[in-house]
Amino acid sequence: MGQFQLFQDPEYHEWVRQWGKPVLAAIYRQDPVEGKLRLDEAQAALEECTLPEEQLEALTLSLTWFEYNLRRIGADADISEQCYLDTRAILLTRQSTDGGELQRRRLLLVLRCEGDADGIEPLGRAEVDELLRPLTRADEDHMLWHALALWAFLHGDGEIMRRAYAAQLTNPSATMGQAKWQRVHLMHRLLEGSATREDVHAAIRSQQVRPQLLEFLNHIWPRCRAAGLDDEDLRAMLAIKAKEIDAARPPVPQPERRTKTTRTPP
């Protein structure tokens, strides 16, 4: 079964909706206690699951990924690094089915992008190409290109950034699509030196959950400031957005209605 046949299978999708989405909601809220409860439920449900073996392997790795994200909530640098190394060791272990192996490879690439951004383990372009090459229909993988967009932004890699930009344009995410579009749009324009105050304003306004805010503060906002795009109003807006996100503790966002875009990739 191919990568996207696996992820679009109705039974697989229903299992993710019932057991995976509640864990993801807790990750978005940055609530490790609730997340651990929901993760335990998902792991118990997986033990009773009768899906095909390759789907079970893929789901097991998904739960490993959720656990990695939950362990890192509020963790200091040393604990975050250990979480990374533990998860990396799991994702370096080959799976026995095609579906499990594809899931392993995509999650490993996303993990390596995060480890690079966090200063734990450098990731060069040659390794990106090597990890990306076996992934079938990779341009349709929202999670993958979300991670690669940040890698490209931090490394000044225009070619990978253009592919991430095009992936968001031609196959937008159904969840938080506007926030993800404004994010990659701002990073792309900062990289090419054409970003405007309006781009920064739109990116801040569209943020919905704390992980988005943290990424913006750690990696994107410093580049905005370096480009002279940090006036008093934007700083105030960013502070208000941070308070809104912390106060609201938003649940997992609902899918947005997709509309056909008339934009074309740069």
C-alpha atoms as a PDB file:
ATOM      1  CA  MET A   1       0.000   0.000   0.000  1.00  0.00           C
ATOM      2  CA  GLY A   2       1.419   3.398  -0.988  1.00  0.00           C
ATOM      3  CA  GLN A   3       1.986   6.243   1.420  1.00  0.00           C
ATOM      4  CA  PHE A   4      -1.184   8.161   0.651  1.00  0.00           C
ATOM      5  CA  GLN A   5      -3.347   5.101   0.059  1.00  0.00           C
ATOM      6  CA  LEU A   6      -2.389   4.167   3.607  1.00  0.00           C
ATOM      7  CA  PHE A   7      -3.266   7.555   5.103  1.00  0.00           C
ATOM      8  CA  GLN A   8      -6.525   7.875   3.135  1.00  0.00           C
ATOM      9  CA  ASP A   9      -7.858   4.405   3.944  1.00  0.00           C
ATOM     10  CA  PRO A  10     -11.282   4.931   5.649  1.00  0.00           C
ATOM     11  CA  GLU A  11     -10.612   2.550   8.549  1.00  0.00           C
ATOM     12  CA  TYR A  12      -7.181   4.052   9.189  1.00  0.00           C
ATOM     13  CA  HIS A  13      -8.656   7.561   9.008  1.00  0.00           C
ATOM     14  CA  GLU A  14     -11.445   6.654  11.435  1.00  0.00           C
ATOM     15  CA  TRP A  15      -8.982   5.229  13.945  1.00  0.00           C
ATOM     16  CA  VAL A  16      -6.934   8.431  13.788  1.00  0.00           C
ATOM     17  CA  ARG A  17     -10.088  10.541  14.210  1.00  0.00           C
ATOM     18  CA  GLN A  18     -11.268   8.584  17.243  1.00  0.00           C
ATOM     19  CA  TRP A  19      -7.990   7.988  19.069  1.00  0.00           C
ATOM     20  CA  GLY A  20      -5.293  10.188  17.558  1.00  0.00           C
ATOM     21  CA  LYS A  21      -7.111  13.528  17.359  1.00  0.00           C
ATOM     22  CA  PRO A  22      -7.684  13.795  21.139  1.00  0.00           C
ATOM     23  CA  VAL A  23      -3.945  13.384  21.731  1.00  0.00           C
ATOM     24  CA  LEU A  24      -3.195  16.000  19.094  1.00  0.00           C
ATOM     25  CA  ALA A  25      -5.700  18.371  20.704  1.00  0.00           C
ATOM     26  CA  ALA A  26      -3.782  18.151  23.985  1.00  0.00           C
ATOM     27  CA  ILE A  27      -0.506  18.815  22.169  1.00  0.00           C
ATOM     28  CA  TYR A  28      -1.999  21.931  20.584  1.00  0.00           C
ATOM     29  CA  ARG A  29      -3.184  23.068  24.030  1.00  0.00           C
ATOM     30  CA  GLN A  30       0.254  22.182  25.482  1.00  0.00           C
ATOM     31  CA  ASP A  31      -1.496  20.051  28.123  1.00  0.00           C
ATOM     32  CA  PRO A  32       0.781  17.072  28.892  1.00  0.00           C
ATOM     33  CA  VAL A  33      -1.472  15.619  31.622  1.00  0.00           C
ATOM     34  CA  GLU A  34      -4.519  15.385  29.392  1.00  0.00           C
ATOM     35  CA  GLY A  35      -2.309  14.293  26.520  1.00  0.00           C
ATOM     36  CA  LYS A  36      -0.847  11.394  28.501  1.00  0.00           C
ATOM     37  CA  LEU A  37      -4.349  10.193  29.416  1.00  0.00           C
ATOM     38  CA  ARG A  38      -5.481  10.301  25.808  1.00  0.00           C
ATOM     39  CA  LEU A  39      -2.227   8.665  24.646  1.00  0.00           C
ATOM     40  CA  ASP A  40      -2.706   5.789  27.100  1.00  0.00           C
ATOM     41  CA  GLU A  41      -6.236   5.306  25.728  1.00  0.00           C
ATOM     42  CA  ALA A  42      -4.938   5.294  22.158  1.00  0.00           C
ATOM     43  CA  GLN A  43      -2.224   2.770  22.982  1.00  0.00           C
ATOM     44  CA  ALA A  44      -4.764   0.488  24.656  1.00  0.00           C
ATOM     45  CA  ALA A  45      -7.083   0.797  21.650  1.00  0.00           C
ATOM     46  CA  LEU A  46      -4.233  -0.032  19.290  1.00  0.00           C
ATOM     47  CA  GLU A  47      -3.529  -3.265  21.163  1.00  0.00           C
ATOM     48  CA  GLU A  48      -7.112  -4.351  20.421  1.00  0.00           C
ATOM     49  CA  CYS A  49      -7.076  -3.074  16.842  1.00  0.00           C
ATOM     50  CA  THR A  50      -7.590  -5.474  13.917  1.00  0.00           C
ATOM     51  CA  LEU A  51      -6.306  -3.241  11.116  1.00  0.00           C
ATOM     52  CA  PRO A  52      -3.735  -4.671   8.645  1.00  0.00           C
ATOM     53  CA  GLU A  53      -0.160  -4.969   9.866  1.00  0.00           C
ATOM     54  CA  GLU A  54       1.230  -2.053   7.877  1.00  0.00           C
ATOM     55  CA  GLN A  55      -1.443   0.251   9.258  1.00  0.00           C
ATOM     56  CA  LEU A  56      -0.691  -0.947  12.773  1.00  0.00           C
ATOM     57  CA  GLU A  57       3.002  -0.206  12.255  1.00  0.00           C
ATOM     58  CA  ALA A  58       2.214   3.275  10.938  1.00  0.00           C
ATOM     59  CA  LEU A  59      -0.143   4.014  13.840  1.00  0.00           C
ATOM     60  CA  THR A  60       2.374   2.748  16.393  1.00  0.00           C
ATOM     61  CA  LEU A  61       4.912   5.216  15.004  1.00  0.00           C
ATOM     62  CA  SER A  62       2.299   7.982  15.109  1.00  0.00           C
ATOM     63  CA  LEU A  63       1.831   7.343  18.821  1.00  0.00           C
ATOM     64  CA  THR A  64       5.606   7.436  19.266  1.00  0.00           C
ATOM     65  CA  TRP A  65       5.549  10.850  17.586  1.00  0.00           C
ATOM     66  CA  PHE A  66       2.758  12.067  19.871  1.00  0.00           C
ATOM     67  CA  GLU A  67       4.695  10.876  22.928  1.00  0.00           C
ATOM     68  CA  TYR A  68       7.762  12.776  21.746  1.00  0.00           C
ATOM     69  CA  ASN A  69       5.761  15.988  21.464  1.00  0.00           C
ATOM     70  CA  LEU A  70       4.078  15.526  24.840  1.00  0.00           C
ATOM     71  CA  ARG A  71       7.371  14.857  26.638  1.00  0.00           C
ATOM     72  CA  ARG A  72       8.835  18.092  25.285  1.00  0.00           C
ATOM     73  CA  ILE A  73       6.056  20.371  26.587  1.00  0.00           C
ATOM     74  CA  GLY A  74       7.684  22.712  29.098  1.00  0.00           C
ATOM     75  CA  ALA A  75      10.881  20.645  29.133  1.00  0.00           C
ATOM     76  CA  ASP A  76      14.313  22.203  29.522  1.00  0.00           C
ATOM     77  CA  ALA A  77      17.003  21.843  26.871  1.00  0.00           C
ATOM     78  CA  ASP A  78      18.520  18.675  28.347  1.00  0.00           C
ATOM     79  CA  ILE A  79      15.191  16.844  28.564  1.00  0.00           C
ATOM     80  CA  SER A  80      14.206  18.003  25.078  1.00  0.00           C
ATOM     81  CA  GLU A  81      17.463  16.641  23.699  1.00  0.00           C
ATOM     82  CA  GLN A  82      16.924  13.285  25.411  1.00  0.00           C
ATOM     83  CA  CYS A  83      13.379  13.109  24.000  1.00  0.00           C
ATOM     84  CA  TYR A  84      14.837  13.760  20.569  1.00  0.00           C
ATOM     85  CA  LEU A  85      17.516  11.090  20.919  1.00  0.00           C
ATOM     86  CA  ASP A  86      15.036   8.504  22.234  1.00  0.00           C
ATOM     87  CA  THR A  87      12.644   9.117  19.346  1.00  0.00           C
ATOM     88  CA  ARG A  88      15.456   9.184  16.797  1.00  0.00           C
ATOM     89  CA  ALA A  89      16.579   5.734  17.946  1.00  0.00           C
ATOM     90  CA  ILE A  90      13.077   4.360  17.396  1.00  0.00           C
ATOM     91  CA  LEU A  91      12.744   5.981  13.974  1.00  0.00           C
ATOM     92  CA  LEU A  92      16.093   4.591  12.827  1.00  0.00           C
ATOM     93  CA  THR A  93      14.712   1.063  13.245  1.00  0.00           C
ATOM     94  CA  ARG A  94      13.410  -0.281   9.930  1.00  0.00           C
ATOM     95  CA  GLN A  95       9.806  -1.472   9.813  1.00  0.00           C
ATOM     96  CA  SER A  96       8.667  -4.773   8.340  1.00  0.00           C
ATOM     97  CA  THR A  97       5.966  -3.402   6.003  1.00  0.00           C
ATOM     98  CA  ASP A  98       5.963  -0.808   3.221  1.00  0.00           C
ATOM     99  CA  GLY A  99       3.420   1.356   5.028  1.00  0.00           C
ATOM    100  CA  GLY A 100       5.349   1.263   8.282  1.00  0.00           C
ATOM    101  CA  GLU A 101       8.600   2.040   6.502  1.00  0.00           C
ATOM    102  CA  LEU A 102       7.118   5.060   4.705  1.00  0.00           C
ATOM    103  CA  GLN A 103       5.736   6.364   7.977  1.00  0.00           C
ATOM    104  CA  ARG A 104       9.109   5.861   9.647  1.00  0.00           C
ATOM    105  CA  ARG A 105      10.961   7.747   6.917  1.00  0.00           C
ATOM    106  CA  ARG A 106       8.624  10.748   6.880  1.00  0.00           C
ATOM    107  CA  LEU A 107       8.621  11.075  10.660  1.00  0.00           C
ATOM    108  CA  LEU A 108      12.405  10.736  10.754  1.00  0.00           C
ATOM    109  CA  LEU A 109      12.787  13.618   8.303  1.00  0.00           C
ATOM    110  CA  VAL A 110      10.390  15.801  10.298  1.00  0.00           C
ATOM    111  CA  LEU A 111      12.246  14.913  13.507  1.00  0.00           C
ATOM    112  CA  ARG A 112      15.605  15.732  11.956  1.00  0.00           C
ATOM    113  CA  CYS A 113      14.259  19.126  10.849  1.00  0.00           C
ATOM    114  CA  GLU A 114      13.169  19.827  14.411  1.00  0.00           C
ATOM    115  CA  GLY A 115      16.460  18.642  15.859  1.00  0.00           C
ATOM    116  CA  ASP A 116      18.295  20.941  13.470  1.00  0.00           C
ATOM    117  CA  ALA A 117      16.120  23.929  14.384  1.00  0.00           C
ATOM    118  CA  ASP A 118      16.642  23.239  18.094  1.00  0.00           C
ATOM    119  CA  GLY A 119      20.404  22.990  17.708  1.00  0.00           C
ATOM    120  CA  ILE A 120      20.533  19.319  18.713  1.00  0.00           C
ATOM    121  CA  GLU A 121      21.702  17.664  15.482  1.00  0.00           C
ATOM    122  CA  PRO A 122      22.620  19.490  12.258  1.00  0.00           C
ATOM    123  CA  LEU A 123      20.800  18.499   9.075  1.00  0.00           C
ATOM    124  CA  GLY A 124      22.415  19.336   5.745  1.00  0.00           C
ATOM    125  CA  ARG A 125      20.894  19.505   2.285  1.00  0.00           C
ATOM    126  CA  ALA A 126      22.410  16.203   1.173  1.00  0.00           C
ATOM    127  CA  GLU A 127      20.705  14.399   4.065  1.00  0.00           C
ATOM    128  CA  VAL A 128      17.424  16.170   3.310  1.00  0.00           C
ATOM    129  CA  ASP A 129      17.563  14.913  -0.264  1.00  0.00           C
ATOM    130  CA  GLU A 130      18.471  11.401   0.876  1.00  0.00           C
ATOM    131  CA  LEU A 131      15.614  11.227   3.375  1.00  0.00           C
ATOM    132  CA  LEU A 132      13.114  12.811   0.996  1.00  0.00           C
ATOM    133  CA  ARG A 133      13.917  10.673  -2.044  1.00  0.00           C
ATOM    134  CA  PRO A 134      12.075   7.449  -1.046  1.00  0.00           C
ATOM    135  CA  LEU A 135       8.858   9.234  -0.029  1.00  0.00           C
ATOM    136  CA  THR A 136       6.176   8.731  -2.658  1.00  0.00           C
ATOM    137  CA  ARG A 137       3.961  11.703  -3.512  1.00  0.00           C
ATOM    138  CA  ALA A 138       5.813  13.734  -0.902  1.00  0.00           C
ATOM    139  CA  ASP A 139       4.509  17.047  -2.247  1.00  0.00           C
ATOM    140  CA  GLU A 140       1.085  16.126  -0.831  1.00  0.00           C
ATOM    141  CA  ASP A 141       2.409  15.635   2.704  1.00  0.00           C
ATOM    142  CA  HIS A 142       1.416  18.700   4.756  1.00  0.00           C
ATOM    143  CA  MET A 143       3.351  17.727   7.861  1.00  0.00           C
ATOM    144  CA  LEU A 144       6.519  17.036   5.927  1.00  0.00           C
ATOM    145  CA  TRP A 145       6.582  20.349   4.056  1.00  0.00           C
ATOM    146  CA  HIS A 146       5.603  22.277   7.163  1.00  0.00           C
ATOM    147  CA  ALA A 147       8.841  21.010   8.738  1.00  0.00           C
ATOM    148  CA  LEU A 148      10.916  21.470   5.590  1.00  0.00           C
ATOM    149  CA  ALA A 149       9.737  25.076   5.221  1.00  0.00           C
ATOM    150  CA  LEU A 150      11.347  25.972   8.549  1.00  0.00           C
ATOM    151  CA  TRP A 151      14.497  24.029   7.665  1.00  0.00           C
ATOM    152  CA  ALA A 152      14.756  25.927   4.362  1.00  0.00           C
ATOM    153  CA  PHE A 153      14.121  29.251   6.095  1.00  0.00           C
ATOM    154  CA  LEU A 154      16.854  28.701   8.675  1.00  0.00           C
ATOM    155  CA  HIS A 155      19.337  27.434   6.079  1.00  0.00           C
ATOM    156  CA  GLY A 156      18.538  29.982   3.373  1.00  0.00           C
ATOM    157  CA  ASP A 157      17.670  27.210   0.913  1.00  0.00           C
ATOM    158  CA  GLY A 158      15.546  28.886  -1.743  1.00  0.00           C
ATOM    159  CA  GLU A 159      14.843  25.715  -3.729  1.00  0.00           C
ATOM    160  CA  ILE A 160      13.392  23.777  -0.801  1.00  0.00           C
ATOM    161  CA  MET A 161      11.481  26.877   0.326  1.00  0.00           C
ATOM    162  CA  ARG A 162       9.919  27.248  -3.128  1.00  0.00           C
ATOM    163  CA  ARG A 163       8.820  23.602  -3.008  1.00  0.00           C
ATOM    164  CA  ALA A 164       7.311  24.102   0.448  1.00  0.00           C
ATOM    165  CA  TYR A 165       5.572  27.258  -0.793  1.00  0.00           C
ATOM    166  CA  ALA A 166       4.218  25.463  -3.844  1.00  0.00           C
ATOM    167  CA  ALA A 167       3.042  22.509  -1.742  1.00  0.00           C
ATOM    168  CA  GLN A 168       1.040  24.848   0.485  1.00  0.00           C
ATOM    169  CA  LEU A 169      -0.465  26.614  -2.536  1.00  0.00           C
ATOM    170  CA  THR A 170      -1.449  23.548  -4.526  1.00  0.00           C
ATOM    171  CA  ASN A 171      -2.439  21.279  -1.637  1.00  0.00           C
ATOM    172  CA  PRO A 172      -3.361  23.439   1.378  1.00  0.00           C
ATOM    173  CA  SER A 173      -3.904  21.831   4.739  1.00  0.00           C
ATOM    174  CA  ALA A 174      -7.514  21.382   5.839  1.00  0.00           C
ATOM    175  CA  THR A 175      -6.533  22.237   9.425  1.00  0.00           C
ATOM    176  CA  MET A 176      -5.308  25.752  10.235  1.00  0.00           C
ATOM    177  CA  GLY A 177      -4.732  26.260   6.528  1.00  0.00           C
ATOM    178  CA  GLN A 178      -4.707  30.056   6.725  1.00  0.00           C
ATOM    179  CA  ALA A 179      -2.162  30.134   9.529  1.00  0.00           C
ATOM    180  CA  LYS A 180       0.084  27.675   7.678  1.00  0.00           C
ATOM    181  CA  TRP A 181      -0.196  29.656   4.452  1.00  0.00           C
ATOM    182  CA  GLN A 182       0.661  32.972   6.148  1.00  0.00           C
ATOM    183  CA  ARG A 183       3.603  31.299   7.887  1.00  0.00           C
ATOM    184  CA  VAL A 184       5.234  29.916   4.756  1.00  0.00           C
ATOM    185  CA  HIS A 185       4.378  33.074   2.795  1.00  0.00           C
ATOM    186  CA  LEU A 186       6.182  35.237   5.359  1.00  0.00           C
ATOM    187  CA  MET A 187       9.198  32.927   5.543  1.00  0.00           C
ATOM    188  CA  HIS A 188       9.448  32.797   1.761  1.00  0.00           C
ATOM    189  CA  ARG A 189       9.322  36.580   1.443  1.00  0.00           C
ATOM    190  CA  LEU A 190      11.790  37.124   4.295  1.00  0.00           C
ATOM    191  CA  LEU A 191      14.164  34.727   2.565  1.00  0.00           C
ATOM    192  CA  GLU A 192      13.955  36.593  -0.728  1.00  0.00           C
ATOM    193  CA  GLY A 193      14.074  40.024   0.956  1.00  0.00           C
ATOM    194  CA  SER A 194      10.609  41.196  -0.070  1.00  0.00           C
ATOM    195  CA  ALA A 195       8.621  40.807   3.172  1.00  0.00           C
ATOM    196  CA  THR A 196       6.407  43.691   4.266  1.00  0.00           C
ATOM    197  CA  ARG A 197       4.861  44.808   7.513  1.00  0.00           C
ATOM    198  CA  GLU A 198       1.533  43.499   6.201  1.00  0.00           C
ATOM    199  CA  ASP A 199       3.039  40.007   5.801  1.00  0.00           C
ATOM    200  CA  VAL A 200       4.167  40.038   9.445  1.00  0.00           C
ATOM    201  CA  HIS A 201       0.799  41.388  10.601  1.00  0.00           C
ATOM    202  CA  ALA A 202      -1.065  38.637   8.729  1.00  0.00           C
ATOM    203  CA  ALA A 203       1.189  35.892  10.118  1.00  0.00           C
ATOM    204  CA  ILE A 204       0.677  37.065  13.709  1.00  0.00           C
ATOM    205  CA  ARG A 205      -3.074  37.524  13.281  1.00  0.00           C
ATOM    206  CA  SER A 206      -3.566  34.009  11.866  1.00  0.00           C
ATOM    207  CA  GLN A 207      -1.837  32.110  14.701  1.00  0.00           C
ATOM    208  CA  GLN A 208      -4.165  29.837  16.667  1.00  0.00           C
ATOM    209  CA  VAL A 209      -2.142  27.552  18.960  1.00  0.00           C
ATOM    210  CA  ARG A 210       0.865  27.786  21.217  1.00  0.00           C
ATOM    211  CA  PRO A 211       3.286  25.703  19.114  1.00  0.00           C
ATOM    212  CA  GLN A 212       2.778  28.189  16.256  1.00  0.00           C
ATOM    213  CA  LEU A 213       3.458  31.097  18.592  1.00  0.00           C
ATOM    214  CA  LEU A 214       6.603  29.510  20.031  1.00  0.00           C
ATOM    215  CA  GLU A 215       8.006  28.781  16.591  1.00  0.00           C
ATOM    216  CA  PHE A 216       7.286  32.345  15.497  1.00  0.00           C
ATOM    217  CA  LEU A 217       8.974  33.848  18.570  1.00  0.00           C
ATOM    218  CA  ASN A 218      12.012  31.572  18.386  1.00  0.00           C
ATOM    219  CA  HIS A 219      12.723  31.505  14.676  1.00  0.00           C
ATOM    220  CA  ILE A 220      10.664  33.950  12.595  1.00  0.00           C
ATOM    221  CA  TRP A 221      10.289  37.061  14.726  1.00  0.00           C
ATOM    222  CA  PRO A 222      14.081  37.583  15.070  1.00  0.00           C
ATOM    223  CA  ARG A 223      14.353  37.656  11.257  1.00  0.00           C
ATOM    224  CA  CYS A 224      11.462  40.134  11.116  1.00  0.00           C
ATOM    225  CA  ARG A 225      13.296  42.388  13.571  1.00  0.00           C
ATOM    226  CA  ALA A 226      16.533  42.073  11.612  1.00  0.00           C
ATOM    227  CA  ALA A 227      14.625  43.188   8.514  1.00  0.00           C
ATOM    228  CA  GLY A 228      13.242  46.226  10.355  1.00  0.00           C
ATOM    229  CA  LEU A 229       9.714  44.831  10.478  1.00  0.00           C
ATOM    230  CA  ASP A 230       9.018  45.218  14.201  1.00  0.00           C
ATOM    231  CA  ASP A 231       7.256  48.468  15.023  1.00  0.00           C
ATOM    232  CA  GLU A 232       5.467  49.220  18.281  1.00  0.00           C
ATOM    233  CA  ASP A 233       2.059  48.186  16.958  1.00  0.00           C
ATOM    234  CA  LEU A 234       3.329  44.784  15.811  1.00  0.00           C
ATOM    235  CA  ARG A 235       5.009  44.171  19.149  1.00  0.00           C
ATOM    236  CA  ALA A 236       1.785  45.040  20.939  1.00  0.00           C
ATOM    237  CA  MET A 237      -0.195  42.807  18.592  1.00  0.00           C
ATOM    238  CA  LEU A 238       2.168  39.920  19.237  1.00  0.00           C
ATOM    239  CA  ALA A 239       1.835  40.365  23.009  1.00  0.00           C
ATOM    240  CA  ILE A 240      -1.969  40.403  22.754  1.00  0.00           C
ATOM    241  CA  LYS A 241      -1.957  37.296  20.540  1.00  0.00           C
ATOM    242  CA  ALA A 242       0.243  35.483  23.080  1.00  0.00           C
ATOM    243  CA  LYS A 243      -2.208  36.315  25.887  1.00  0.00           C
ATOM    244  CA  GLU A 244      -5.170  35.222  23.759  1.00  0.00           C
ATOM    245  CA  ILE A 245      -3.584  31.863  22.951  1.00  0.00           C
ATOM    246  CA  ASP A 246      -2.540  31.205  26.540  1.00  0.00           C
ATOM    247  CA  ALA A 247      -5.960  32.179  27.900  1.00  0.00           C
ATOM    248  CA  ALA A 248      -8.074  30.337  25.351  1.00  0.00           C
ATOM    249  CA  ARG A 249      -6.241  26.986  25.496  1.00  0.00           C
ATOM    250  CA  PRO A 250      -7.894  26.261  22.147  1.00  0.00           C
ATOM    251  CA  PRO A 251      -9.069  22.754  21.197  1.00  0.00           C
ATOM    252  CA  VAL A 252      -7.819  21.151  18.027  1.00  0.00           C
ATOM    253  CA  PRO A 253      -8.932  23.438  15.182  1.00  0.00           C
ATOM    254  CA  GLN A 254     -11.772  22.282  12.969  1.00  0.00           C
ATOM    255  CA  PRO A 255     -11.011  21.629   9.285  1.00  0.00           C
ATOM    256  CA  GLU A 256     -11.561  24.649   7.081  1.00  0.00           C
ATOM    257  CA  ARG A 257     -13.576  24.526   3.881  1.00  0.00           C
ATOM    258  CA  ARG A 258     -11.096  24.266   1.032  1.00  0.00           C
ATOM    259  CA  THR A 259     -11.327  26.748  -1.801  1.00  0.00           C
ATOM    260  CA  LYS A 260      -9.486  26.648  -5.072  1.00  0.00           C
ATOM    261  CA  THR A 261      -6.622  29.112  -5.122  1.00  0.00           C
ATOM    262  CA  THR A 262      -5.801  31.287  -8.084  1.00  0.00           C
ATOM    263  CA  ARG A 263      -2.256  31.939  -6.872  1.00  0.00           C
ATOM    264  CA  THR A 264       0.637  30.307  -8.667  1.00  0.00           C
ATOM    265  CA  PRO A 265       3.935  29.225  -7.153  1.00  0.00           C
ATOM    266  CA  PRO A 266       6.780  31.764  -7.457  1.00  0.00           C
END
